[in-house]
């Protein structure tokens, strides 16, 4: 008798939510996209410029050699990507 009014979920669904709703727990800095934003995000890029794909291979004598030069390597990569975006 105590559970007579309890909702039955045998056919699916989540208590208190509509059929097209799902619960979510987000971390700070995360966000939920609206249906419109999701469509735009998932849509083909069309005439928009495609995102660049950059492959980089670095060879050094040892890990310490790379550690010592990583700031310069990062600057060089950043500069090369920027030049590529400008078509240079």
C-alpha atoms as a PDB file:
ATOM      1  CA  UNK A   1       0.000   0.000   0.000  1.00  0.00           C
ATOM      2  CA  UNK A   2       2.919   2.353   0.730  1.00  0.00           C
ATOM      3  CA  UNK A   3       4.109   2.118  -2.893  1.00  0.00           C
ATOM      4  CA  UNK A   4       0.700   2.151  -4.573  1.00  0.00           C
ATOM      5  CA  UNK A   5       1.208   5.678  -5.930  1.00  0.00           C
ATOM      6  CA  UNK A   6       4.886   5.199  -6.834  1.00  0.00           C
ATOM      7  CA  UNK A   7       5.589   5.715 -10.542  1.00  0.00           C
ATOM      8  CA  UNK A   8       6.331   2.613 -12.574  1.00  0.00           C
ATOM      9  CA  UNK A   9       9.313   2.931 -14.921  1.00  0.00           C
ATOM     10  CA  UNK A  10       9.202  -0.519 -16.540  1.00  0.00           C
ATOM     11  CA  UNK A  11       8.695   0.998 -19.996  1.00  0.00           C
ATOM     12  CA  UNK A  12      11.696   3.333 -19.676  1.00  0.00           C
ATOM     13  CA  UNK A  13      12.174   6.994 -18.945  1.00  0.00           C
ATOM     14  CA  UNK A  14      13.595   8.869 -16.000  1.00  0.00           C
ATOM     15  CA  UNK A  15      11.492  10.036 -13.100  1.00  0.00           C
ATOM     16  CA  UNK A  16      10.484  13.677 -13.486  1.00  0.00           C
ATOM     17  CA  UNK A  17      11.775  14.124 -17.042  1.00  0.00           C
ATOM     18  CA  UNK A  18       9.978  14.335 -20.366  1.00  0.00           C
ATOM     19  CA  UNK A  19      10.596  11.658 -23.005  1.00  0.00           C
ATOM     20  CA  UNK A  20      13.165  13.867 -24.795  1.00  0.00           C
ATOM     21  CA  UNK A  21      15.053  15.031 -21.683  1.00  0.00           C
ATOM     22  CA  UNK A  22      18.114  13.493 -20.037  1.00  0.00           C
ATOM     23  CA  UNK A  23      19.763  14.375 -16.719  1.00  0.00           C
ATOM     24  CA  UNK A  24      23.255  15.899 -16.796  1.00  0.00           C
ATOM     25  CA  UNK A  25      25.952  16.699 -14.268  1.00  0.00           C
ATOM     26  CA  UNK A  26      28.521  19.136 -15.620  1.00  0.00           C
ATOM     27  CA  UNK A  27      31.914  20.220 -14.399  1.00  0.00           C
ATOM     28  CA  UNK A  28      32.763  23.907 -14.137  1.00  0.00           C
ATOM     29  CA  UNK A  29      33.680  25.225 -17.568  1.00  0.00           C
ATOM     30  CA  UNK A  30      31.544  22.673 -19.434  1.00  0.00           C
ATOM     31  CA  UNK A  31      28.330  23.660 -21.149  1.00  0.00           C
ATOM     32  CA  UNK A  32      25.323  22.126 -22.828  1.00  0.00           C
ATOM     33  CA  UNK A  33      24.598  23.034 -26.437  1.00  0.00           C
ATOM     34  CA  UNK A  34      21.081  23.885 -27.536  1.00  0.00           C
ATOM     35  CA  UNK A  35      19.558  21.817 -30.338  1.00  0.00           C
ATOM     36  CA  UNK A  36      20.347  24.646 -32.777  1.00  0.00           C
ATOM     37  CA  UNK A  37      23.965  24.856 -31.609  1.00  0.00           C
ATOM     38  CA  UNK A  38      24.313  21.084 -31.910  1.00  0.00           C
ATOM     39  CA  UNK A  39      22.969  21.158 -35.500  1.00  0.00           C
ATOM     40  CA  UNK A  40      25.425  23.930 -36.394  1.00  0.00           C
ATOM     41  CA  UNK A  41      28.307  22.079 -34.731  1.00  0.00           C
ATOM     42  CA  UNK A  42      27.472  18.819 -36.531  1.00  0.00           C
ATOM     43  CA  UNK A  43      26.728  20.426 -39.916  1.00  0.00           C
ATOM     44  CA  UNK A  44      29.163  20.031 -42.813  1.00  0.00           C
ATOM     45  CA  UNK A  45      31.527  22.972 -42.991  1.00  0.00           C
ATOM     46  CA  UNK A  46      30.402  23.814 -46.546  1.00  0.00           C
ATOM     47  CA  UNK A  47      32.216  26.835 -47.916  1.00  0.00           C
ATOM     48  CA  UNK A  48      33.875  27.624 -44.595  1.00  0.00           C
ATOM     49  CA  UNK A  49      37.582  27.035 -44.410  1.00  0.00           C
ATOM     50  CA  UNK A  50      38.343  23.550 -43.094  1.00  0.00           C
ATOM     51  CA  UNK A  51      40.274  23.197 -39.874  1.00  0.00           C
ATOM     52  CA  UNK A  52      43.962  22.721 -40.609  1.00  0.00           C
ATOM     53  CA  UNK A  53      45.667  19.406 -39.982  1.00  0.00           C
ATOM     54  CA  UNK A  54      49.253  19.853 -38.844  1.00  0.00           C
ATOM     55  CA  UNK A  55      51.601  16.892 -38.498  1.00  0.00           C
ATOM     56  CA  UNK A  56      54.945  17.517 -36.844  1.00  0.00           C
ATOM     57  CA  UNK A  57      57.839  15.133 -36.376  1.00  0.00           C
ATOM     58  CA  UNK A  58      60.627  16.139 -33.987  1.00  0.00           C
ATOM     59  CA  UNK A  59      63.865  14.238 -33.529  1.00  0.00           C
ATOM     60  CA  UNK A  60      66.319  15.068 -30.764  1.00  0.00           C
ATOM     61  CA  UNK A  61      69.363  13.429 -29.262  1.00  0.00           C
ATOM     62  CA  UNK A  62      67.569  12.965 -25.951  1.00  0.00           C
ATOM     63  CA  UNK A  63      64.597  14.216 -23.931  1.00  0.00           C
ATOM     64  CA  UNK A  64      66.629  16.953 -22.255  1.00  0.00           C
ATOM     65  CA  UNK A  65      67.584  18.412 -25.645  1.00  0.00           C
ATOM     66  CA  UNK A  66      63.897  18.720 -26.476  1.00  0.00           C
ATOM     67  CA  UNK A  67      63.025  20.202 -23.071  1.00  0.00           C
ATOM     68  CA  UNK A  68      65.625  22.914 -23.579  1.00  0.00           C
ATOM     69  CA  UNK A  69      64.248  23.869 -26.995  1.00  0.00           C
ATOM     70  CA  UNK A  70      60.498  23.333 -26.532  1.00  0.00           C
ATOM     71  CA  UNK A  71      59.696  27.051 -26.142  1.00  0.00           C
ATOM     72  CA  UNK A  72      61.423  27.816 -29.432  1.00  0.00           C
ATOM     73  CA  UNK A  73      59.796  24.793 -31.104  1.00  0.00           C
ATOM     74  CA  UNK A  74      56.338  25.947 -29.951  1.00  0.00           C
ATOM     75  CA  UNK A  75      56.989  29.460 -31.284  1.00  0.00           C
ATOM     76  CA  UNK A  76      58.179  28.073 -34.633  1.00  0.00           C
ATOM     77  CA  UNK A  77      55.088  25.877 -34.950  1.00  0.00           C
ATOM     78  CA  UNK A  78      52.772  28.744 -34.042  1.00  0.00           C
ATOM     79  CA  UNK A  79      54.437  31.000 -36.608  1.00  0.00           C
ATOM     80  CA  UNK A  80      54.222  28.315 -39.329  1.00  0.00           C
ATOM     81  CA  UNK A  81      50.510  27.704 -38.683  1.00  0.00           C
ATOM     82  CA  UNK A  82      49.793  31.460 -38.744  1.00  0.00           C
ATOM     83  CA  UNK A  83      51.643  31.821 -42.047  1.00  0.00           C
ATOM     84  CA  UNK A  84      49.706  28.876 -43.469  1.00  0.00           C
ATOM     85  CA  UNK A  85      46.405  30.494 -42.533  1.00  0.00           C
ATOM     86  CA  UNK A  86      47.462  33.651 -44.373  1.00  0.00           C
ATOM     87  CA  UNK A  87      48.387  31.595 -47.427  1.00  0.00           C
ATOM     88  CA  UNK A  88      52.090  32.382 -47.256  1.00  0.00           C
END
